[in-house]
């Protein structure tokens, strides 16, 4: 893989780190936890490092922070779903409610709607 291919693959993730505040915060936490773990483990033999409870706790915190970073990047990359359907249904419901209120308060409007419905039903029964 060429360097330009790697940069092209990493570009959206780097853009998320640059643009999204949550991703930046998660990146800081992960880097800090990793740095703290490294400092605690530096200079210890593997046997002592395994027995060190504080080191294990810091390593666990670094793993959790890294997972939260991955989750934050994925959330930043996830496409947002358009919510036009909900908005349209809300507008239609408000219009229908307004028209219903108009019909309740207006006798002439009720009569016109009844005539329209009767006319349409008589045409459908005659045509069948």
N, C-alpha and C. Protein backbone atom coordinates (compact mmCIF):
# COMPACT_ATOMS: atom_id res chain seq x y z
N UNK A 1 0.85 -1.17 0.00
CA UNK A 1 0.00 0.00 0.00
C UNK A 1 0.89 1.24 0.00
N UNK A 2 0.58 2.15 -0.87
CA UNK A 2 1.34 3.38 -0.96
C UNK A 2 0.95 4.32 0.17
N UNK A 3 1.81 5.26 0.44
CA UNK A 3 1.56 6.22 1.51
C UNK A 3 0.30 7.02 1.21
N UNK A 4 0.10 7.38 -0.05
CA UNK A 4 -1.08 8.18 -0.40
C UNK A 4 -2.37 7.39 -0.17
N UNK A 5 -2.32 6.06 -0.37
CA UNK A 5 -3.50 5.24 -0.08
C UNK A 5 -3.80 5.24 1.42
N UNK A 6 -2.77 5.13 2.21
CA UNK A 6 -2.96 5.16 3.67
C UNK A 6 -3.50 6.48 4.15
N UNK A 7 -3.02 7.56 3.56
CA UNK A 7 -3.51 8.89 3.93
C UNK A 7 -4.97 9.04 3.51
N UNK A 8 -5.31 8.52 2.34
CA UNK A 8 -6.70 8.61 1.87
C UNK A 8 -7.63 7.83 2.79
N UNK A 9 -7.17 6.70 3.29
CA UNK A 9 -7.99 5.89 4.20
C UNK A 9 -8.13 6.59 5.55
N UNK A 10 -7.06 7.20 6.03
CA UNK A 10 -7.07 7.81 7.36
C UNK A 10 -7.69 9.21 7.37
N UNK A 11 -7.87 9.82 6.20
CA UNK A 11 -8.34 11.22 6.14
C UNK A 11 -9.66 11.45 6.87
N UNK A 12 -10.71 10.63 6.68
CA UNK A 12 -11.95 10.92 7.40
C UNK A 12 -11.80 10.84 8.92
N UNK A 13 -10.95 9.91 9.39
CA UNK A 13 -10.74 9.77 10.83
C UNK A 13 -9.97 10.97 11.38
N UNK A 14 -8.97 11.42 10.65
CA UNK A 14 -8.22 12.59 11.08
C UNK A 14 -9.10 13.84 11.05
N UNK A 15 -9.99 13.90 10.07
CA UNK A 15 -10.93 15.03 10.00
C UNK A 15 -11.83 15.03 11.23
N UNK A 16 -12.26 13.86 11.68
CA UNK A 16 -13.10 13.76 12.87
C UNK A 16 -12.33 14.23 14.10
N UNK A 17 -11.04 13.90 14.19
CA UNK A 17 -10.23 14.33 15.32
C UNK A 17 -10.07 15.84 15.31
N UNK A 18 -9.94 16.43 14.14
CA UNK A 18 -9.75 17.87 14.03
C UNK A 18 -11.05 18.62 14.31
N UNK A 19 -12.18 18.12 13.83
CA UNK A 19 -13.44 18.86 13.87
C UNK A 19 -14.31 18.61 15.10
N UNK A 20 -14.33 17.39 15.60
CA UNK A 20 -15.31 17.03 16.63
C UNK A 20 -14.71 17.15 18.02
N UNK A 21 -15.36 17.93 18.88
CA UNK A 21 -14.87 18.17 20.24
C UNK A 21 -14.89 16.89 21.08
N UNK A 22 -15.92 16.06 20.92
CA UNK A 22 -16.00 14.82 21.69
C UNK A 22 -14.86 13.88 21.32
N UNK A 23 -14.52 13.81 20.04
CA UNK A 23 -13.41 12.96 19.60
C UNK A 23 -12.10 13.49 20.17
N UNK A 24 -11.94 14.80 20.18
CA UNK A 24 -10.72 15.39 20.74
C UNK A 24 -10.58 15.06 22.22
N UNK A 25 -11.68 15.17 22.97
CA UNK A 25 -11.65 14.85 24.39
C UNK A 25 -11.33 13.37 24.61
N UNK A 26 -11.93 12.50 23.82
CA UNK A 26 -11.65 11.07 23.95
C UNK A 26 -10.20 10.77 23.60
N UNK A 27 -9.67 11.47 22.59
CA UNK A 27 -8.27 11.29 22.21
C UNK A 27 -7.34 11.72 23.34
N UNK A 28 -7.66 12.85 23.98
CA UNK A 28 -6.84 13.30 25.11
C UNK A 28 -6.85 12.30 26.26
N UNK A 29 -8.06 11.79 26.58
CA UNK A 29 -8.16 10.83 27.68
C UNK A 29 -7.37 9.56 27.37
N UNK A 30 -7.49 9.07 26.13
CA UNK A 30 -6.78 7.84 25.76
C UNK A 30 -5.27 8.05 25.78
N UNK A 31 -4.81 9.18 25.27
CA UNK A 31 -3.37 9.47 25.26
C UNK A 31 -2.84 9.61 26.68
N UNK A 32 -3.59 10.30 27.53
CA UNK A 32 -3.15 10.50 28.90
C UNK A 32 -3.10 9.17 29.66
N UNK A 33 -4.13 8.35 29.48
CA UNK A 33 -4.15 7.05 30.17
C UNK A 33 -3.02 6.15 29.68
N UNK A 34 -2.76 6.16 28.38
CA UNK A 34 -1.65 5.37 27.85
C UNK A 34 -0.30 5.85 28.36
N UNK A 35 -0.14 7.16 28.42
CA UNK A 35 1.10 7.75 28.92
C UNK A 35 1.32 7.39 30.39
N UNK A 36 0.25 7.48 31.20
CA UNK A 36 0.36 7.13 32.62
C UNK A 36 0.72 5.66 32.80
N UNK A 37 0.13 4.81 32.00
CA UNK A 37 0.42 3.38 32.07
C UNK A 37 1.88 3.11 31.71
N UNK A 38 2.34 3.75 30.65
CA UNK A 38 3.73 3.57 30.23
C UNK A 38 4.70 4.04 31.31
N UNK A 39 4.41 5.19 31.91
CA UNK A 39 5.30 5.71 32.96
C UNK A 39 5.35 4.77 34.16
N UNK A 40 4.22 4.18 34.50
CA UNK A 40 4.17 3.27 35.64
C UNK A 40 4.94 1.98 35.33
N UNK A 41 4.86 1.52 34.08
CA UNK A 41 5.48 0.25 33.71
C UNK A 41 6.97 0.39 33.37
N UNK A 42 7.42 1.58 33.05
CA UNK A 42 8.80 1.79 32.61
C UNK A 42 9.78 1.40 33.72
N UNK A 43 10.74 0.57 33.33
CA UNK A 43 11.79 0.18 34.26
C UNK A 43 11.45 -1.01 35.14
N UNK A 44 10.23 -1.55 35.03
CA UNK A 44 9.87 -2.71 35.85
C UNK A 44 10.09 -3.98 35.06
N UNK A 45 10.45 -5.01 35.78
CA UNK A 45 10.55 -6.31 35.12
C UNK A 45 9.14 -6.82 34.83
N UNK A 46 8.98 -7.71 33.85
CA UNK A 46 7.65 -8.22 33.53
C UNK A 46 6.96 -8.88 34.72
N UNK A 47 7.71 -9.55 35.56
CA UNK A 47 7.13 -10.20 36.74
C UNK A 47 6.56 -9.19 37.72
N UNK A 48 7.31 -8.11 37.96
CA UNK A 48 6.81 -7.07 38.86
C UNK A 48 5.65 -6.31 38.24
N UNK A 49 5.70 -6.09 36.93
CA UNK A 49 4.63 -5.35 36.26
C UNK A 49 3.31 -6.10 36.35
N UNK A 50 3.36 -7.42 36.24
CA UNK A 50 2.13 -8.22 36.31
C UNK A 50 1.54 -8.17 37.71
N UNK A 51 2.37 -8.10 38.73
CA UNK A 51 1.88 -8.09 40.11
C UNK A 51 1.43 -6.71 40.59
N UNK A 52 1.78 -5.67 39.86
CA UNK A 52 1.45 -4.31 40.26
C UNK A 52 -0.03 -4.01 39.99
N UNK A 53 -0.81 -3.89 41.07
CA UNK A 53 -2.26 -3.67 40.91
C UNK A 53 -2.56 -2.29 40.32
N UNK A 54 -1.81 -1.31 40.71
CA UNK A 54 -2.04 0.04 40.19
C UNK A 54 -1.76 0.09 38.69
N UNK A 55 -0.73 -0.61 38.26
CA UNK A 55 -0.40 -0.67 36.84
C UNK A 55 -1.52 -1.36 36.06
N UNK A 56 -2.04 -2.44 36.61
CA UNK A 56 -3.15 -3.14 35.94
C UNK A 56 -4.37 -2.24 35.84
N UNK A 57 -4.66 -1.50 36.90
CA UNK A 57 -5.80 -0.59 36.88
C UNK A 57 -5.61 0.50 35.83
N UNK A 58 -4.39 1.03 35.74
CA UNK A 58 -4.11 2.06 34.74
C UNK A 58 -4.18 1.48 33.32
N UNK A 59 -3.72 0.26 33.16
CA UNK A 59 -3.81 -0.38 31.84
C UNK A 59 -5.27 -0.60 31.44
N UNK A 60 -6.09 -0.96 32.42
CA UNK A 60 -7.52 -1.12 32.14
C UNK A 60 -8.15 0.21 31.76
N UNK A 61 -7.78 1.27 32.47
CA UNK A 61 -8.31 2.59 32.15
C UNK A 61 -7.87 3.04 30.76
N UNK A 62 -6.64 2.71 30.39
CA UNK A 62 -6.15 3.06 29.06
C UNK A 62 -6.92 2.29 27.98
N UNK A 63 -7.22 1.03 28.24
CA UNK A 63 -7.99 0.25 27.28
C UNK A 63 -9.41 0.79 27.12
N UNK A 64 -10.02 1.16 28.23
CA UNK A 64 -11.38 1.72 28.18
C UNK A 64 -11.36 3.06 27.45
N UNK A 65 -10.38 3.90 27.74
CA UNK A 65 -10.29 5.20 27.06
C UNK A 65 -10.05 5.02 25.57
N UNK A 66 -9.26 4.03 25.20
CA UNK A 66 -9.03 3.77 23.77
C UNK A 66 -10.30 3.29 23.10
N UNK A 67 -11.06 2.46 23.77
CA UNK A 67 -12.33 1.99 23.21
C UNK A 67 -13.31 3.16 23.07
N UNK A 68 -13.33 4.05 24.04
CA UNK A 68 -14.20 5.22 23.94
C UNK A 68 -13.78 6.12 22.79
N UNK A 69 -12.48 6.19 22.50
CA UNK A 69 -12.00 6.96 21.35
C UNK A 69 -12.52 6.35 20.06
N UNK A 70 -12.41 5.04 19.94
CA UNK A 70 -12.91 4.36 18.74
C UNK A 70 -14.41 4.59 18.58
N UNK A 71 -15.14 4.49 19.68
CA UNK A 71 -16.59 4.71 19.64
C UNK A 71 -16.92 6.14 19.25
N UNK A 72 -16.18 7.11 19.75
CA UNK A 72 -16.42 8.52 19.41
C UNK A 72 -16.13 8.78 17.94
N UNK A 73 -15.08 8.17 17.40
CA UNK A 73 -14.76 8.34 15.98
C UNK A 73 -15.84 7.71 15.13
N UNK A 74 -16.30 6.52 15.51
CA UNK A 74 -17.38 5.87 14.76
C UNK A 74 -18.65 6.69 14.79
N UNK A 75 -18.96 7.28 15.94
CA UNK A 75 -20.16 8.11 16.05
C UNK A 75 -20.04 9.35 15.19
N UNK A 76 -18.84 9.91 15.10
CA UNK A 76 -18.64 11.10 14.27
C UNK A 76 -18.73 10.75 12.78
N UNK A 77 -18.37 9.52 12.43
CA UNK A 77 -18.39 9.10 11.03
C UNK A 77 -19.75 8.60 10.58
N UNK A 78 -20.61 8.23 11.53
CA UNK A 78 -21.91 7.65 11.17
C UNK A 78 -22.75 8.69 10.43
N UNK A 79 -23.35 8.28 9.32
CA UNK A 79 -24.18 9.24 8.59
C UNK A 79 -25.43 9.58 9.38
N UNK A 80 -25.79 10.81 9.34
CA UNK A 80 -26.99 11.26 10.04
C UNK A 80 -28.20 10.97 9.16
N UNK A 81 -29.23 10.41 9.78
CA UNK A 81 -30.44 10.09 9.03
C UNK A 81 -31.29 11.35 8.88
N UNK A 82 -31.78 11.60 7.69
CA UNK A 82 -32.68 12.74 7.55
C UNK A 82 -33.99 12.46 8.25
N UNK A 83 -34.53 13.47 8.89
CA UNK A 83 -35.75 13.29 9.66
C UNK A 83 -36.94 13.96 8.97
N UNK A 84 -36.92 13.95 7.63
CA UNK A 84 -37.98 14.60 6.89
C UNK A 84 -39.32 13.92 7.09
N UNK A 85 -39.34 12.61 7.25
CA UNK A 85 -40.59 11.88 7.42
C UNK A 85 -41.34 12.32 8.66
N UNK A 86 -40.65 12.47 9.75
CA UNK A 86 -41.28 12.90 11.00
C UNK A 86 -41.83 14.32 10.88
N UNK A 87 -41.05 15.16 10.25
CA UNK A 87 -41.46 16.55 10.10
C UNK A 87 -42.70 16.65 9.23
N UNK A 88 -42.73 15.89 8.14
CA UNK A 88 -43.88 15.89 7.25
C UNK A 88 -45.13 15.40 7.95
N UNK A 89 -44.98 14.32 8.72
CA UNK A 89 -46.13 13.80 9.46
C UNK A 89 -46.63 14.81 10.48
N UNK A 90 -45.74 15.52 11.12
CA UNK A 90 -46.14 16.53 12.09
C UNK A 90 -46.90 17.67 11.41
N UNK A 91 -46.41 18.12 10.27
CA UNK A 91 -47.09 19.19 9.55
C UNK A 91 -48.47 18.73 9.10
N UNK A 92 -48.56 17.50 8.57
CA UNK A 92 -49.86 16.99 8.14
C UNK A 92 -50.84 16.85 9.31
N UNK A 93 -50.34 16.40 10.45
CA UNK A 93 -51.21 16.26 11.62
C UNK A 93 -51.71 17.63 12.10
N UNK A 94 -50.85 18.63 12.07
CA UNK A 94 -51.27 19.97 12.48
C UNK A 94 -52.31 20.52 11.50
N UNK A 95 -52.06 20.31 10.20
CA UNK A 95 -53.03 20.78 9.21
C UNK A 95 -54.37 20.07 9.35
N UNK A 96 -54.33 18.75 9.56
CA UNK A 96 -55.58 18.00 9.72
C UNK A 96 -56.31 18.45 10.99
N UNK A 97 -55.58 18.67 12.05
CA UNK A 97 -56.20 19.16 13.28
C UNK A 97 -56.81 20.54 13.11
N UNK A 98 -56.10 21.39 12.39
CA UNK A 98 -56.63 22.73 12.12
C UNK A 98 -57.89 22.68 11.27
N UNK A 99 -57.89 21.81 10.26
CA UNK A 99 -59.07 21.68 9.41
C UNK A 99 -60.23 21.07 10.21
N UNK A 100 -59.93 20.12 11.10
CA UNK A 100 -60.97 19.54 11.96
C UNK A 100 -61.56 20.59 12.88
N UNK A 101 -60.71 21.45 13.44
CA UNK A 101 -61.22 22.52 14.30
C UNK A 101 -62.07 23.49 13.51
N UNK A 102 -61.67 23.77 12.27
CA UNK A 102 -62.46 24.64 11.40
C UNK A 102 -63.84 24.03 11.14
N UNK A 103 -63.87 22.73 10.87
CA UNK A 103 -65.16 22.08 10.59
C UNK A 103 -66.05 22.04 11.83
N UNK A 104 -65.47 21.85 12.99
CA UNK A 104 -66.25 21.82 14.23
C UNK A 104 -66.88 23.19 14.49
N UNK A 105 -66.15 24.24 14.20
CA UNK A 105 -66.64 25.59 14.51
C UNK A 105 -67.47 26.21 13.39
N UNK A 106 -67.47 25.62 12.20
CA UNK A 106 -68.13 26.24 11.06
C UNK A 106 -69.17 25.29 10.47
N UNK A 107 -70.43 25.63 10.60
CA UNK A 107 -71.51 24.76 10.10
C UNK A 107 -71.52 24.71 8.58
N UNK A 108 -71.25 25.82 7.90
CA UNK A 108 -71.22 25.83 6.44
C UNK A 108 -70.10 24.92 5.92
N UNK A 109 -68.96 24.92 6.59
CA UNK A 109 -67.86 24.05 6.18
C UNK A 109 -68.21 22.58 6.36
N UNK A 110 -68.90 22.26 7.45
CA UNK A 110 -69.34 20.86 7.67
C UNK A 110 -70.29 20.42 6.57
N UNK A 111 -71.22 21.29 6.24
CA UNK A 111 -72.22 20.96 5.22
C UNK A 111 -71.55 20.77 3.87
N UNK A 112 -70.57 21.61 3.52
CA UNK A 112 -69.86 21.50 2.26
C UNK A 112 -69.08 20.18 2.21
N UNK A 113 -68.45 19.81 3.31
CA UNK A 113 -67.71 18.55 3.36
C UNK A 113 -68.64 17.35 3.23
N UNK A 114 -69.81 17.42 3.89
CA UNK A 114 -70.77 16.32 3.78
C UNK A 114 -71.27 16.17 2.35
N UNK A 115 -71.55 17.29 1.70
CA UNK A 115 -71.99 17.23 0.30
C UNK A 115 -70.90 16.64 -0.59
N UNK A 116 -69.66 17.01 -0.34
CA UNK A 116 -68.55 16.49 -1.13
C UNK A 116 -68.40 14.99 -0.93
N UNK A 117 -68.51 14.52 0.31
CA UNK A 117 -68.38 13.09 0.60
C UNK A 117 -69.56 12.34 0.00
N UNK A 118 -70.77 12.86 0.14
CA UNK A 118 -71.95 12.20 -0.43
C UNK A 118 -71.85 12.13 -1.95
N UNK A 119 -71.40 13.20 -2.58
CA UNK A 119 -71.25 13.25 -4.04
C UNK A 119 -70.23 12.21 -4.52
N UNK A 120 -69.11 12.12 -3.79
CA UNK A 120 -68.07 11.17 -4.17
C UNK A 120 -68.54 9.74 -3.97
N UNK A 121 -69.29 9.45 -2.89
CA UNK A 121 -69.74 8.10 -2.65
C UNK A 121 -70.85 7.71 -3.62
N UNK A 122 -71.68 8.67 -4.03
CA UNK A 122 -72.74 8.34 -5.00
C UNK A 122 -72.12 8.08 -6.38
N UNK A 123 -71.06 8.76 -6.74
CA UNK A 123 -70.40 8.52 -8.03
C UNK A 123 -69.70 7.17 -8.02
N UNK A 124 -69.10 6.78 -6.92
CA UNK A 124 -68.42 5.50 -6.88
C UNK A 124 -69.41 4.35 -6.90
N UNK A 125 -70.59 4.52 -6.29
CA UNK A 125 -71.59 3.43 -6.31
C UNK A 125 -72.30 3.38 -7.68
N UNK A 126 -72.43 4.48 -8.38
CA UNK A 126 -73.04 4.49 -9.71
C UNK A 126 -72.10 3.91 -10.74
N UNK A 127 -70.84 4.16 -10.59
CA UNK A 127 -69.85 3.70 -11.55
C UNK A 127 -69.52 2.24 -11.41
N UNK A 128 -69.84 1.61 -10.28
CA UNK A 128 -69.47 0.21 -10.05
C UNK A 128 -70.46 -0.76 -10.57
